[in-house]
């Protein structure tokens, strides 16, 4: 029983071992009434893989985010599944109990590297486990330059946004021009 929810709708998230998350919008009941929520959690899956660089060396301590989204109710935003882990010393990562009924993608993040997005394949029929195998990092690149005004004079301490794409997705990263 949740008490004191006021007169505003809110989103409640539910999770249990072996299942993916479920998010529901809860609307306040009439004064003096109560609301019963029966929540059916979707089946969960585990996703495992190993992150390596172009030389085959493990990518240790990289941040790997798994994320997916699905449409919300009319008038409400989309809902999402999201979790994050760091790779181990041998580059391995594992997510447990993520939704099996929506498309998921991995977002690989590390300071000094472009973000990389990799689709997670659906689990095989009857399986709750997805083995990504070896996930190869894109080679690092360098973008360098000077931010200048209309007269060609350098402008210091300007925010620089880089926008690009990874297959059909767009991404951006932010940095600062040198002091």
Foldseek 3Di string as FASTA:
>chain_A
DDPDPPQDKDKDWDADFQFAIDIDIDGDDDPPDDDDDDDDTAGAAKEKEFEAEPVRAGDFFKKKKKKFWDQDDVPDHIDMGIDIDTAHNRRMDMDGHHHLPTWMWIWIDDPQADIAIGTFDHDDPPHRYGYPYYDYDDDGDDDDDFDADPVRHGDAFDKDKDWDDHVPGIDIDIDTHHD
